[in-house]
Amino acid sequence: QPVYNEKDERVGLVEDIIVTPDKAISYGIINAGGFLGLTKHNVAVPVSQFKLVDTKLVLPGATKEALKASPEFQYPQ
């Protein structure tokens, strides 16, 4: 699912959803793209920060640069 900011700029793509065992907190894992878009840079964002606008998933205030600068989410090995 593509993710946009409030300026209708595509900032990433939801590739996964993480739900805690107690379902208290869930995260959307957004691929913000890595170096030149050739690698992945996954970022965990609490689902409470997303808004559904019409049929688009919006992350207000997000930019590609800010997501790429965020700590990368690593799946446990």
Protein backbone atom coordinates (compact mmCIF):
# COMPACT_ATOMS: atom_id res chain seq x y z
CA GLN A 1 0.00 0.00 0.00
CA PRO A 2 1.55 3.34 -0.99
CA VAL A 3 1.92 5.97 1.74
CA TYR A 4 1.54 9.68 1.03
CA ASN A 5 2.04 12.87 3.01
CA GLU A 6 -0.56 15.63 3.25
CA LYS A 7 0.97 17.24 0.12
CA ASP A 8 0.00 14.10 -1.84
CA GLU A 9 3.68 13.14 -2.27
CA ARG A 10 4.42 9.43 -2.16
CA VAL A 11 6.84 8.87 0.73
CA GLY A 12 7.01 5.08 0.92
CA LEU A 13 5.22 1.78 0.77
CA VAL A 14 3.72 -0.27 3.62
CA GLU A 15 5.35 -3.68 3.30
CA ASP A 16 4.32 -5.27 6.59
CA ILE A 17 2.29 -4.77 9.75
CA ILE A 18 3.53 -5.72 13.21
CA VAL A 19 0.96 -6.44 15.92
CA THR A 20 2.14 -6.99 19.50
CA PRO A 21 0.85 -10.10 21.30
CA ASP A 22 -1.40 -7.97 23.54
CA LYS A 23 -2.51 -5.96 20.48
CA ALA A 24 -1.78 -2.75 22.39
CA ILE A 25 0.53 -1.29 19.76
CA SER A 26 0.74 -2.02 16.07
CA TYR A 27 3.28 -0.73 13.59
CA GLY A 28 3.29 -0.27 9.87
CA ILE A 29 6.63 -1.16 8.32
CA ILE A 30 7.29 1.38 5.58
CA ASN A 31 9.91 0.85 2.92
CA ALA A 32 11.25 4.37 2.37
CA GLY A 33 13.84 3.17 -0.13
CA GLY A 34 17.54 3.13 0.43
CA PHE A 35 20.50 4.39 -1.56
CA LEU A 36 19.20 5.55 -4.95
CA GLY A 37 16.10 3.45 -4.34
CA LEU A 38 18.11 0.27 -4.96
CA THR A 39 17.99 -1.02 -1.40
CA LYS A 40 15.33 -1.15 1.27
CA HIS A 41 15.18 1.12 4.28
CA ASN A 42 12.33 -0.13 6.44
CA VAL A 43 10.98 2.13 9.16
CA ALA A 44 8.48 1.17 11.89
CA VAL A 45 5.72 3.74 12.32
CA PRO A 46 2.90 3.38 14.90
CA VAL A 47 -0.37 2.84 13.05
CA SER A 48 -1.93 5.60 15.17
CA GLN A 49 0.08 8.12 13.11
CA PHE A 50 -1.56 7.09 9.83
CA LYS A 51 -4.75 8.66 8.52
CA LEU A 52 -7.04 7.29 5.83
CA VAL A 53 -7.96 10.10 3.43
CA ASP A 54 -10.46 8.93 0.85
CA THR A 55 -8.70 5.72 -0.22
CA LYS A 56 -5.13 6.90 0.45
CA LEU A 57 -2.99 6.09 3.45
CA VAL A 58 -1.53 9.40 4.68
CA LEU A 59 1.32 9.98 7.12
CA PRO A 60 1.05 13.70 7.95
CA GLY A 61 4.32 15.60 7.98
CA ALA A 62 6.30 12.75 6.45
CA THR A 63 8.93 13.20 3.78
CA LYS A 64 11.05 10.60 2.01
CA GLU A 65 14.15 12.25 3.43
CA ALA A 66 12.84 12.15 7.02
CA LEU A 67 11.87 8.49 6.72
CA LYS A 68 15.25 7.59 5.22
CA ALA A 69 16.94 9.43 8.12
CA SER A 70 14.90 7.45 10.68
CA PRO A 71 16.43 4.39 12.36
CA GLU A 72 16.07 1.33 10.17
CA PHE A 73 13.72 -1.42 11.41
CA GLN A 74 15.44 -4.79 11.57
CA TYR A 75 13.49 -8.03 11.87
CA PRO A 76 14.74 -10.25 14.72
CA GLN A 77 16.91 -13.10 13.54
